[in-house]
Amino acid sequence: GGMLPPLALITAQFGFLMFAATAWPLLPSDGMRWISTLFNEPKLLPKAVASFKHLFLGGELPQMIEKRDAMPLALFGIGVLLTSVMLLIGIGLATLIWLEGELGGTGVLFFLGFMGAFTLWLMATWASIKARAGGGGGRSFDPAAFRQMAGGAAAADTLPEADPQADPQTAMPSKAKVIWALIAVALLALAFQPYAYEAGGEVEILPSARGQAVARSDGEILQIMVAQGDMVTRGQILAEMSSWDQTRQVMVTRSMLDGAAANLARLKVGTKPEEVELARRQVASAEADVVFSKAEMERARDLVESGTVSKKSFEKAESNYGSDLAALDVAQANLELVQSGATAEEIAIAQAEVDRLTQELSFVQDELERTRIAAPMDGRVVTADLELRNGSFLRVGETLLEIENSDLVTAAISVPESDIGLIAPGDRVRLKVRGQANLEIDGTVQSIAPSAEDQGYGSVVRVLAVFDNAQGALRSGMTGYAKIDGAQMRVWEAYLRSITRFFQVEVWSWVP
């Protein structure tokens, strides 16, 4: 535990990297000196440069280099050149990435300014070396002169005393000093100009709304009517599923409802006149039968008393008379029923049956309608390869396709926590996505997250902004960069915010 093991590991890794850098034979360090000692070539690098110029630039081959050694020396020089360039590029890119991560755009400007100054220094050094080597008269590069320039004070002792009048290029003319002074004054004046600072961050486009078209009944997909990229409206039929059972249920229920409705109508209308007349005739017929059977019974009784017929004949006549009386009662009751019409209870029962069948028909019709998958919202179909779903079987709730409404899109902007104090809902946002680099889209800040998130390179706050996407240029998942209106400040404040914040927070934290 503790800090000692990690510190020892870091030290060991740093030492290994330094050893590898110094031991690499293609860098002007100990590794190259070992190679020079091995081949007994104390001037290995100058010879490599001269051989390269001879083979590839048409220069003369010095007498100290044999012709057979020119090619190996030139290849060695190419290796040194490529290694040095790659090392410088790697160091430069690492520095640029680090500055951009720590200071943002300010770090990039600092890096470009440093590279510009470094380039000017190289040009001035080159001109000075040429002047020292041969008065700037167009002579070639002299490694000895370069070593003398790089040797500092020790090398200066070996050089002859320069004559300012003989070498006017070594002194800065007064005109150049005036120009540099004017540039400095202009930069100072520019630093105090007002500047509209904009907070910015990486952007991810989110869909404003997304819906799923799902199966509302079990069945086989018979037909899909849309494809990926099609625009649909809410309620539009997207696909049809098998509906044989649902269709049969609708037909049967509709027939039952028609019968119940006819019965209810008959009860409400009442008995027809023909039915009343028929009932009356049935009563009259029954009365006639009673009169006849009564007469037959009385005649049979008289005959029994006189002894003409048997008692059994009288009993039969009496039974017929009772049957006719009963039939008369039935006919009279039927007449009264026909004349009175349907009762309220009968009508209510018939009405309830009609209502039940109406609800049943509505349900089975809805079941039939649910075999057709409709769009839940306006938008664009985003599901691919829909034609491959034809013939597949879906259960209730399974998704057939997805629809996205991107007429109004929401973008999530990752704003550094240091700039969040300059942003408020309603601020204007300018957006550029990498897929439409030539298009700038204006939007509005909708909301600001209440907490920050760690993104590895620092803490950011998620800001949601809304953009009009009537032309369809923005698609969900696109990335880009957005700038949000911040505050008015001076130019130096805007470009040195990171450095100022470093002193205001980090340095302040060091003070006990």
Protein backbone atom coordinates (compact mmCIF):
# COMPACT_ATOMS: atom_id res chain seq x y z
CA GLY A 1 0.00 0.00 0.00
CA GLY A 2 0.90 3.68 0.01
CA MET A 3 2.34 5.90 -2.67
CA LEU A 4 5.79 4.32 -2.86
CA PRO A 5 4.99 1.35 -5.19
CA PRO A 6 3.11 3.46 -7.80
CA LEU A 7 5.86 6.09 -7.66
CA ALA A 8 8.53 3.43 -8.14
CA LEU A 9 6.60 1.98 -11.09
CA ILE A 10 6.26 5.39 -12.75
CA THR A 11 9.98 6.07 -12.21
CA ALA A 12 10.89 2.71 -13.74
CA GLN A 13 8.70 3.30 -16.78
CA PHE A 14 10.10 6.79 -17.27
CA GLY A 15 13.63 5.43 -16.97
CA PHE A 16 12.91 2.73 -19.54
CA LEU A 17 11.53 5.29 -21.99
CA MET A 18 14.57 7.51 -21.54
CA PHE A 19 16.88 4.52 -22.07
CA ALA A 20 14.99 3.50 -25.23
CA ALA A 21 15.19 7.06 -26.57
CA THR A 22 18.92 7.41 -25.92
CA ALA A 23 19.76 3.89 -27.12
CA TRP A 24 17.83 4.17 -30.39
CA PRO A 25 20.54 4.33 -33.10
CA LEU A 26 18.53 6.56 -35.45
CA LEU A 27 18.43 9.47 -33.02
CA PRO A 28 21.40 11.78 -32.42
CA SER A 29 22.17 10.41 -28.96
CA ASP A 30 24.18 7.68 -27.25
CA GLY A 31 22.81 4.98 -29.58
CA MET A 32 24.18 6.78 -32.64
CA ARG A 33 27.53 7.28 -30.89
CA TRP A 34 27.69 3.54 -30.20
CA ILE A 35 27.08 2.86 -33.91
CA SER A 36 29.80 5.38 -34.84
CA THR A 37 32.23 3.69 -32.46
CA LEU A 38 31.30 0.23 -33.75
CA PHE A 39 31.99 1.14 -37.40
CA ASN A 40 34.81 3.55 -36.57
CA GLU A 41 32.93 6.43 -38.19
CA PRO A 42 33.20 9.48 -35.92
CA LYS A 43 31.48 11.62 -38.60
CA LEU A 44 28.67 9.20 -39.32
CA LEU A 45 25.85 11.74 -39.43
CA PRO A 46 27.61 14.34 -41.63
CA LYS A 47 28.64 11.58 -44.04
CA ALA A 48 25.04 10.29 -44.13
CA VAL A 49 23.79 13.79 -44.97
CA ALA A 50 26.39 14.25 -47.70
CA SER A 51 25.61 10.81 -49.20
CA PHE A 52 21.89 11.57 -49.20
CA LYS A 53 22.48 14.89 -51.01
CA HIS A 54 24.74 13.15 -53.53
CA LEU A 55 22.31 10.34 -54.38
CA PHE A 56 18.97 12.14 -54.25
CA LEU A 57 19.73 15.85 -54.70
CA GLY A 58 22.59 15.69 -57.18
CA GLY A 59 25.28 17.07 -54.87
CA GLU A 60 28.96 16.27 -55.05
CA LEU A 61 30.27 13.30 -53.08
CA PRO A 62 33.02 14.36 -50.64
CA GLN A 63 36.40 12.69 -51.13
CA MET A 64 36.31 11.24 -47.60
CA ILE A 65 33.35 9.00 -48.60
CA GLU A 66 33.92 6.04 -50.84
CA LYS A 67 31.33 5.52 -53.55
CA ARG A 68 30.42 2.06 -52.33
CA ASP A 69 29.56 3.49 -48.91
CA ALA A 70 27.27 6.21 -50.30
CA MET A 71 24.11 4.09 -50.52
CA PRO A 72 24.29 2.60 -46.96
CA LEU A 73 25.08 6.01 -45.53
CA ALA A 74 22.20 7.61 -47.46
CA LEU A 75 19.76 4.96 -46.21
CA PHE A 76 21.00 5.56 -42.68
CA GLY A 77 20.38 9.28 -43.18
CA ILE A 78 16.84 8.58 -44.42
CA GLY A 79 16.19 6.48 -41.31
CA VAL A 80 17.46 9.28 -39.06
CA LEU A 81 15.31 11.82 -40.92
CA LEU A 82 12.14 9.72 -40.79
CA THR A 83 12.66 8.85 -37.12
CA SER A 84 13.21 12.48 -36.18
CA VAL A 85 10.17 13.66 -38.15
CA MET A 86 7.92 10.97 -36.69
CA LEU A 87 9.15 11.75 -33.19
CA LEU A 88 8.50 15.47 -33.64
CA ILE A 89 5.05 14.80 -35.13
CA GLY A 90 4.18 12.46 -32.25
CA ILE A 91 5.31 14.98 -29.64
CA GLY A 92 3.41 17.73 -31.44
CA LEU A 93 0.18 15.74 -31.72
CA ALA A 94 0.36 14.65 -28.09
CA THR A 95 0.91 18.25 -27.02
CA LEU A 96 -1.95 19.46 -29.23
CA ILE A 97 -4.36 16.84 -27.87
CA TRP A 98 -3.39 17.64 -24.30
CA LEU A 99 -3.77 21.38 -24.78
CA GLU A 100 -7.11 20.97 -26.55
CA GLY A 101 -8.39 18.74 -23.73
CA GLU A 102 -7.23 21.10 -20.98
CA LEU A 103 -7.78 24.51 -22.56
CA GLY A 104 -10.16 23.84 -25.47
CA GLY A 105 -9.85 26.22 -28.40
CA THR A 106 -7.43 28.40 -26.45
CA GLY A 107 -5.00 25.50 -26.21
CA VAL A 108 -5.16 24.97 -29.98
CA LEU A 109 -4.40 28.66 -30.55
CA PHE A 110 -1.46 28.48 -28.15
CA PHE A 111 -0.12 25.44 -29.98
CA LEU A 112 -0.47 27.08 -33.40
CA GLY A 113 1.19 30.23 -32.08
CA PHE A 114 4.06 28.22 -30.64
CA MET A 115 4.48 26.28 -33.90
CA GLY A 116 4.49 29.53 -35.84
CA ALA A 117 7.13 31.03 -33.56
CA PHE A 118 9.17 27.82 -33.75
CA THR A 119 8.97 27.89 -37.57
CA LEU A 120 10.12 31.52 -37.65
CA TRP A 121 12.99 30.62 -35.33
CA LEU A 122 14.03 27.78 -37.60
CA MET A 123 13.93 30.06 -40.64
CA ALA A 124 15.98 32.70 -38.86
CA THR A 125 18.47 30.09 -37.63
CA TRP A 126 18.78 28.66 -41.13
CA ALA A 127 19.41 32.09 -42.59
CA SER A 128 21.98 32.83 -39.91
CA ILE A 129 23.76 29.51 -40.50
CA LYS A 130 23.91 30.18 -44.22
CA ALA A 131 25.23 33.67 -43.53
CA ARG A 132 27.90 32.34 -41.18
CA ALA A 133 28.81 29.56 -43.61
CA GLY A 134 29.19 31.75 -46.65
CA GLY A 135 27.66 35.16 -46.34
CA GLY A 136 24.25 34.04 -47.53
CA GLY A 137 25.53 33.64 -51.03
CA GLY A 138 23.56 30.54 -51.79
CA ARG A 139 26.08 27.99 -50.51
CA SER A 140 24.88 24.64 -49.24
CA PHE A 141 24.31 23.64 -45.63
CA ASP A 142 27.49 23.27 -43.58
CA PRO A 143 27.18 20.82 -40.64
CA ALA A 144 30.23 22.35 -39.00
CA ALA A 145 28.59 25.76 -39.00
CA PHE A 146 25.42 24.25 -37.51
CA ARG A 147 27.43 22.58 -34.73
CA GLN A 148 29.08 25.88 -34.01
CA MET A 149 25.66 27.60 -33.81
CA ALA A 150 24.28 24.91 -31.50
CA GLY A 151 27.41 24.80 -29.30
CA GLY A 152 26.60 27.97 -27.41
CA ALA A 153 29.32 29.85 -25.62
CA ALA A 154 31.86 27.05 -25.96
CA ALA A 155 31.57 27.10 -29.70
CA ALA A 156 31.59 30.86 -29.80
CA ASP A 157 35.16 30.88 -28.55
CA THR A 158 36.27 29.03 -31.67
CA LEU A 159 34.58 31.37 -34.11
CA PRO A 160 36.23 34.50 -35.45
CA GLU A 161 34.88 37.77 -34.15
CA ALA A 162 31.96 38.93 -36.26
CA ASP A 163 32.10 42.28 -37.95
CA PRO A 164 28.69 43.98 -37.73
CA GLN A 165 29.41 46.03 -40.84
CA ALA A 166 30.42 42.91 -42.81
CA ASP A 167 27.35 40.93 -41.70
CA PRO A 168 24.33 43.28 -41.59
CA GLN A 169 21.92 40.34 -41.58
CA THR A 170 22.81 39.46 -37.96
CA ALA A 171 21.38 42.70 -36.57
CA MET A 172 17.66 43.45 -36.60
CA PRO A 173 16.98 46.61 -38.60
CA SER A 174 15.14 49.40 -36.89
CA LYS A 175 12.30 49.02 -39.40
CA ALA A 176 11.67 45.47 -38.23
CA LYS A 177 11.57 46.64 -34.62
CA VAL A 178 8.94 49.21 -35.54
CA ILE A 179 6.85 46.57 -37.29
CA TRP A 180 7.02 44.24 -34.30
CA ALA A 181 6.09 47.10 -32.00
CA LEU A 182 3.06 47.95 -34.15
CA ILE A 183 2.01 44.29 -34.14
CA ALA A 184 2.28 44.20 -30.35
CA VAL A 185 0.20 47.37 -30.00
CA ALA A 186 -2.45 46.01 -32.38
CA LEU A 187 -2.66 42.74 -30.46
CA LEU A 188 -2.94 44.64 -27.18
CA ALA A 189 -5.75 46.80 -28.58
CA LEU A 190 -7.51 43.72 -29.93
CA ALA A 191 -7.29 42.02 -26.54
CA PHE A 192 -9.52 44.71 -24.99
CA GLN A 193 -12.19 44.69 -27.67
CA PRO A 194 -15.69 43.41 -26.69
CA TYR A 195 -16.31 39.79 -27.58
CA ALA A 196 -19.48 37.68 -27.62
CA TYR A 197 -18.35 34.52 -25.87
CA GLU A 198 -20.13 31.31 -26.82
CA ALA A 199 -20.11 28.16 -24.73
CA GLY A 200 -19.91 25.01 -26.76
CA GLY A 201 -19.73 21.25 -26.62
CA GLU A 202 -20.15 17.98 -28.43
CA VAL A 203 -23.68 17.22 -29.63
CA GLU A 204 -25.72 14.08 -30.15
CA ILE A 205 -29.02 14.31 -32.00
CA LEU A 206 -31.91 12.62 -30.20
CA PRO A 207 -35.30 11.80 -31.75
CA SER A 208 -38.05 14.10 -30.56
CA ALA A 209 -40.50 11.21 -30.43
CA ARG A 210 -40.40 7.53 -31.29
CA GLY A 211 -43.25 5.03 -31.38
CA GLN A 212 -43.67 1.33 -31.99
CA ALA A 213 -46.30 -0.26 -34.21
CA VAL A 214 -47.17 -3.50 -32.40
CA ALA A 215 -49.47 -6.44 -33.08
CA ARG A 216 -52.78 -6.15 -31.21
CA SER A 217 -53.83 -9.74 -31.91
CA ASP A 218 -52.17 -13.05 -32.69
CA GLY A 219 -51.85 -13.79 -36.37
CA GLU A 220 -49.80 -14.16 -39.50
CA ILE A 221 -48.57 -11.07 -41.36
CA LEU A 222 -50.21 -11.13 -44.79
CA GLN A 223 -49.12 -7.77 -46.19
CA ILE A 224 -46.77 -4.92 -45.18
CA MET A 225 -47.62 -1.66 -46.93
CA VAL A 226 -44.60 0.53 -45.99
CA ALA A 227 -40.80 0.39 -46.15
CA GLN A 228 -37.92 2.02 -44.32
CA GLY A 229 -37.83 5.77 -44.85
CA ASP A 230 -41.53 6.16 -45.73
CA MET A 231 -43.43 9.03 -44.10
CA VAL A 232 -46.65 7.91 -42.37
CA THR A 233 -49.47 9.65 -40.54
CA ARG A 234 -51.20 8.68 -37.33
CA GLY A 235 -53.79 5.95 -37.92
CA GLN A 236 -52.43 4.96 -41.34
CA ILE A 237 -52.64 1.21 -41.97
CA LEU A 238 -49.14 -0.23 -42.10
CA ALA A 239 -49.79 -3.99 -42.31
CA GLU A 240 -52.59 -6.55 -42.39
CA MET A 241 -52.67 -9.81 -40.43
CA SER A 242 -54.77 -12.96 -40.87
CA SER A 243 -58.42 -12.40 -39.81
CA TRP A 244 -60.43 -15.52 -40.72
CA ASP A 245 -61.79 -16.22 -37.22
CA GLN A 246 -62.55 -12.57 -36.55
CA THR A 247 -64.47 -12.22 -39.84
CA ARG A 248 -66.63 -15.29 -39.06
CA GLN A 249 -67.43 -13.99 -35.56
CA VAL A 250 -68.51 -10.65 -36.99
CA MET A 251 -70.89 -12.30 -39.49
CA VAL A 252 -72.48 -14.64 -36.91
CA THR A 253 -72.94 -11.91 -34.33
CA ARG A 254 -74.44 -9.55 -36.88
CA SER A 255 -77.02 -12.19 -37.87
CA MET A 256 -77.99 -12.79 -34.24
CA LEU A 257 -78.32 -9.07 -33.69
CA ASP A 258 -80.58 -8.69 -36.72
CA GLY A 259 -82.90 -11.40 -35.34
CA ALA A 260 -83.05 -9.85 -31.88
CA ALA A 261 -83.72 -6.42 -33.33
CA ALA A 262 -86.62 -7.79 -35.44
CA ASN A 263 -88.16 -9.45 -32.38
CA LEU A 264 -87.89 -6.22 -30.40
CA ALA A 265 -89.51 -4.27 -33.20
CA ARG A 266 -92.37 -6.76 -33.36
CA LEU A 267 -92.97 -6.46 -29.64
CA LYS A 268 -92.95 -2.67 -29.79
CA VAL A 269 -95.35 -2.51 -32.77
CA GLY A 270 -97.86 -4.95 -31.15
CA THR A 271 -100.33 -7.56 -32.68
CA LYS A 272 -101.58 -7.24 -36.23
CA PRO A 273 -105.40 -6.83 -36.87
CA GLU A 274 -105.41 -10.12 -38.70
CA GLU A 275 -104.08 -11.88 -35.60
CA VAL A 276 -106.86 -10.27 -33.45
CA GLU A 277 -109.53 -11.34 -35.92
CA LEU A 278 -108.15 -14.86 -35.95
CA ALA A 279 -108.25 -15.00 -32.15
CA ARG A 280 -111.90 -13.82 -32.18
CA ARG A 281 -112.90 -16.50 -34.66
CA GLN A 282 -111.16 -19.08 -32.51
CA VAL A 283 -113.27 -17.89 -29.54
CA ALA A 284 -116.50 -18.05 -31.60
CA SER A 285 -115.63 -21.53 -32.78
CA ALA A 286 -114.94 -22.63 -29.21
CA GLU A 287 -118.28 -21.16 -28.03
CA ALA A 288 -120.13 -23.06 -30.76
CA ASP A 289 -118.42 -26.25 -29.71
CA VAL A 290 -119.45 -25.64 -26.09
CA VAL A 291 -123.11 -25.08 -27.07
CA PHE A 292 -123.16 -28.25 -29.14
CA SER A 293 -121.37 -30.41 -26.55
CA LYS A 294 -123.69 -29.09 -23.82
CA ALA A 295 -126.76 -30.04 -25.80
CA GLU A 296 -125.28 -33.45 -26.48
CA MET A 297 -124.58 -33.94 -22.75
CA GLU A 298 -128.19 -32.94 -21.75
CA ARG A 299 -129.69 -35.23 -24.40
CA ALA A 300 -127.52 -38.12 -23.22
CA ARG A 301 -128.62 -37.52 -19.65
CA ASP A 302 -132.29 -37.67 -20.63
CA LEU A 303 -131.72 -40.86 -22.56
CA VAL A 304 -129.93 -42.40 -19.59
CA GLU A 305 -132.86 -41.55 -17.34
CA SER A 306 -135.25 -43.18 -19.82
CA GLY A 307 -132.99 -46.18 -20.09
CA THR A 308 -132.44 -45.80 -23.79
CA VAL A 309 -128.60 -45.43 -23.69
CA SER A 310 -125.98 -46.56 -21.27
CA LYS A 311 -124.42 -44.41 -18.62
CA LYS A 312 -121.09 -44.67 -20.44
CA SER A 313 -122.47 -42.63 -23.34
CA PHE A 314 -123.50 -39.92 -20.94
CA GLU A 315 -120.04 -39.80 -19.36
CA LYS A 316 -118.44 -39.44 -22.77
CA ALA A 317 -120.75 -36.58 -23.69
CA GLU A 318 -120.03 -34.93 -20.35
CA SER A 319 -116.23 -35.25 -20.98
CA ASN A 320 -116.58 -33.65 -24.40
CA TYR A 321 -118.46 -30.78 -22.86
CA GLY A 322 -115.66 -30.19 -20.31
CA SER A 323 -113.03 -30.26 -23.04
CA ASP A 324 -114.92 -27.70 -25.10
CA LEU A 325 -115.24 -25.42 -22.06
CA ALA A 326 -111.47 -25.63 -21.53
CA ALA A 327 -110.80 -24.86 -25.19
CA LEU A 328 -113.12 -21.87 -24.92
CA ASP A 329 -111.13 -20.57 -21.95
CA VAL A 330 -107.87 -20.93 -23.92
CA ALA A 331 -109.31 -19.12 -26.95
CA GLN A 332 -110.63 -16.28 -24.79
CA ALA A 333 -107.28 -15.96 -23.02
CA ASN A 334 -105.46 -15.87 -26.36
CA LEU A 335 -107.85 -13.18 -27.57
CA GLU A 336 -107.15 -11.10 -24.49
CA LEU A 337 -103.39 -11.61 -24.95
CA VAL A 338 -103.51 -10.60 -28.58
CA GLN A 339 -105.58 -7.55 -27.83
CA SER A 340 -103.37 -6.44 -24.90
CA GLY A 341 -99.95 -6.59 -26.84
CA ALA A 342 -96.43 -7.16 -25.36
CA THR A 343 -95.76 -6.33 -21.72
CA ALA A 344 -93.05 -3.90 -20.56
CA GLU A 345 -91.02 -6.77 -19.13
CA GLU A 346 -91.01 -8.58 -22.46
CA ILE A 347 -89.90 -5.45 -24.28
CA ALA A 348 -87.16 -4.87 -21.69
CA ILE A 349 -85.88 -8.43 -22.09
CA ALA A 350 -85.84 -8.10 -25.85
CA GLN A 351 -84.07 -4.73 -25.58
CA ALA A 352 -81.43 -6.20 -23.27
CA GLU A 353 -80.76 -8.96 -25.77
CA VAL A 354 -80.34 -6.41 -28.53
CA ASP A 355 -77.93 -4.36 -26.38
CA ARG A 356 -75.90 -7.44 -25.53
CA LEU A 357 -75.55 -8.46 -29.14
CA THR A 358 -74.69 -4.87 -30.09
CA GLN A 359 -71.80 -4.85 -27.61
CA GLU A 360 -70.74 -8.27 -28.80
CA LEU A 361 -70.75 -7.09 -32.41
CA SER A 362 -68.71 -3.99 -31.49
CA PHE A 363 -66.16 -6.17 -29.71
CA VAL A 364 -65.72 -8.64 -32.55
CA GLN A 365 -65.53 -5.75 -35.03
CA ASP A 366 -62.75 -4.25 -32.91
CA GLU A 367 -61.06 -7.64 -32.89
CA LEU A 368 -61.26 -7.63 -36.68
CA GLU A 369 -59.88 -4.07 -36.81
CA ARG A 370 -57.02 -5.08 -34.52
CA THR A 371 -55.75 -7.43 -37.21
CA ARG A 372 -54.68 -4.29 -39.10
CA ILE A 373 -51.57 -2.63 -37.65
CA ALA A 374 -51.86 1.17 -37.72
CA ALA A 375 -49.28 3.94 -37.20
CA PRO A 376 -49.33 5.27 -33.61
CA MET A 377 -47.98 8.69 -34.63
CA ASP A 378 -46.83 10.87 -37.50
CA GLY A 379 -43.25 10.25 -38.55
CA ARG A 380 -40.82 8.24 -40.62
CA VAL A 381 -40.42 4.46 -40.64
CA VAL A 382 -36.92 3.61 -39.36
CA THR A 383 -37.05 -0.20 -39.28
CA ALA A 384 -35.06 -1.91 -42.02
CA ASP A 385 -35.84 -5.03 -44.07
CA LEU A 386 -39.59 -4.99 -43.43
CA GLU A 387 -40.26 -7.07 -46.53
CA LEU A 388 -38.63 -10.01 -44.76
CA ARG A 389 -41.38 -10.00 -42.11
CA ASN A 390 -44.12 -11.05 -44.55
CA GLY A 391 -45.52 -14.42 -43.54
CA SER A 392 -44.13 -14.31 -40.02
CA PHE A 393 -46.35 -14.91 -36.98
CA LEU A 394 -46.75 -12.20 -34.34
CA ARG A 395 -48.04 -12.49 -30.83
CA VAL A 396 -49.98 -9.76 -29.10
CA GLY A 397 -47.60 -6.94 -28.12
CA GLU A 398 -44.75 -7.90 -30.45
CA THR A 399 -43.22 -5.00 -32.41
CA LEU A 400 -43.49 -4.92 -36.18
CA LEU A 401 -41.70 -1.61 -36.85
CA GLU A 402 -40.63 1.69 -35.29
CA ILE A 403 -41.60 5.22 -36.31
CA GLU A 404 -39.59 8.33 -35.55
CA ASN A 405 -40.86 11.89 -35.64
CA SER A 406 -37.93 14.15 -36.42
CA ASP A 407 -39.70 17.31 -37.58
CA LEU A 408 -38.59 18.79 -34.26
CA VAL A 409 -35.44 17.20 -32.86
CA THR A 410 -33.74 17.47 -29.51
CA ALA A 411 -29.95 17.65 -29.22
CA ALA A 412 -27.96 16.76 -26.13
CA ILE A 413 -25.03 19.18 -25.76
CA SER A 414 -22.16 18.29 -23.40
CA VAL A 415 -21.17 21.72 -22.07
CA PRO A 416 -18.06 21.96 -19.84
CA GLU A 417 -18.98 22.71 -16.24
CA SER A 418 -16.86 25.87 -16.36
CA ASP A 419 -19.23 27.44 -18.93
CA ILE A 420 -22.58 26.32 -17.54
CA GLY A 421 -22.99 29.52 -15.52
CA LEU A 422 -23.22 31.51 -18.78
CA ILE A 423 -26.18 29.50 -20.16
CA ALA A 424 -29.91 29.79 -19.44
CA PRO A 425 -33.04 28.24 -20.99
CA GLY A 426 -34.12 30.18 -24.05
CA ASP A 427 -30.60 31.04 -25.22
CA ARG A 428 -29.90 30.76 -28.93
CA VAL A 429 -27.89 27.76 -30.13
CA ARG A 430 -25.97 27.31 -33.36
CA LEU A 431 -25.41 23.74 -34.48
CA LYS A 432 -23.26 22.01 -37.07
CA VAL A 433 -23.30 18.25 -37.51
CA ARG A 434 -20.53 16.30 -39.12
CA GLY A 435 -22.88 14.83 -41.69
CA GLN A 436 -23.96 18.32 -42.86
CA ALA A 437 -20.83 20.38 -42.29
CA ASN A 438 -21.93 23.19 -44.65
CA LEU A 439 -25.26 23.69 -42.86
CA GLU A 440 -25.68 25.78 -39.70
CA ILE A 441 -28.97 25.27 -37.84
CA ASP A 442 -30.35 27.58 -35.16
CA GLY A 443 -32.12 26.28 -32.09
CA THR A 444 -33.07 27.15 -28.52
CA VAL A 445 -31.90 25.86 -25.15
CA GLN A 446 -34.75 23.85 -23.62
CA SER A 447 -33.38 22.64 -20.29
CA ILE A 448 -30.18 22.22 -18.29
CA ALA A 449 -29.43 19.07 -16.31
CA PRO A 450 -29.31 19.56 -12.51
CA SER A 451 -26.07 17.57 -12.16
CA ALA A 452 -22.76 17.16 -13.95
CA GLU A 453 -21.40 14.00 -15.56
CA ASP A 454 -17.83 12.74 -15.71
CA GLN A 455 -16.71 12.19 -19.29
CA GLY A 456 -13.12 11.15 -18.63
CA TYR A 457 -11.62 14.39 -19.92
CA GLY A 458 -13.59 16.44 -17.40
CA SER A 459 -17.04 17.10 -16.02
CA VAL A 460 -19.79 18.27 -18.36
CA VAL A 461 -23.40 19.30 -17.91
CA ARG A 462 -26.02 17.94 -20.28
CA VAL A 463 -27.95 20.73 -22.02
CA LEU A 464 -30.98 19.92 -24.16
CA ALA A 465 -31.74 22.16 -27.13
CA VAL A 466 -34.58 21.99 -29.65
CA PHE A 467 -34.07 22.43 -33.40
CA ASP A 468 -36.51 22.68 -36.28
CA ASN A 469 -35.86 19.83 -38.70
CA ALA A 470 -38.49 20.38 -41.37
CA GLN A 471 -35.95 19.65 -44.12
CA GLY A 472 -34.90 16.37 -42.50
CA ALA A 473 -31.19 17.22 -42.38
CA LEU A 474 -30.85 16.07 -38.76
CA ARG A 475 -31.16 12.38 -37.99
CA SER A 476 -31.03 10.65 -34.66
CA GLY A 477 -27.56 9.52 -33.68
CA MET A 478 -25.73 12.23 -35.64
CA THR A 479 -22.92 14.02 -33.83
CA GLY A 480 -21.45 17.47 -34.17
CA TYR A 481 -20.69 20.64 -32.25
CA ALA A 482 -22.94 23.38 -30.92
CA LYS A 483 -22.30 26.91 -29.71
CA ILE A 484 -24.60 28.59 -27.20
CA ASP A 485 -24.85 32.34 -26.69
CA GLY A 486 -22.93 33.14 -23.52
CA ALA A 487 -21.89 36.57 -22.25
CA GLN A 488 -20.17 39.70 -23.47
CA MET A 489 -16.55 40.02 -22.33
CA ARG A 490 -13.20 41.26 -23.54
CA VAL A 491 -11.20 39.22 -26.04
CA TRP A 492 -8.43 38.37 -23.59
CA GLU A 493 -11.00 37.20 -21.04
CA ALA A 494 -12.64 34.91 -23.59
CA TYR A 495 -9.44 33.26 -24.78
CA LEU A 496 -7.75 33.07 -21.39
CA ARG A 497 -10.73 31.77 -19.40
CA SER A 498 -9.05 28.40 -18.84
CA ILE A 499 -5.82 29.96 -17.60
CA THR A 500 -7.68 32.48 -15.44
CA ARG A 501 -9.77 29.69 -13.95
CA PHE A 502 -6.60 27.72 -13.24
CA PHE A 503 -5.26 30.52 -11.07
CA GLN A 504 -8.67 31.26 -9.51
CA VAL A 505 -9.33 27.63 -8.49
CA GLU A 506 -6.25 25.41 -8.69
CA VAL A 507 -3.67 27.91 -7.44
CA TRP A 508 -6.15 29.15 -4.82
CA SER A 509 -6.52 25.57 -3.57
CA TRP A 510 -2.78 25.37 -2.98
CA VAL A 511 -2.84 28.23 -0.49
CA PRO A 512 -3.10 26.78 3.03
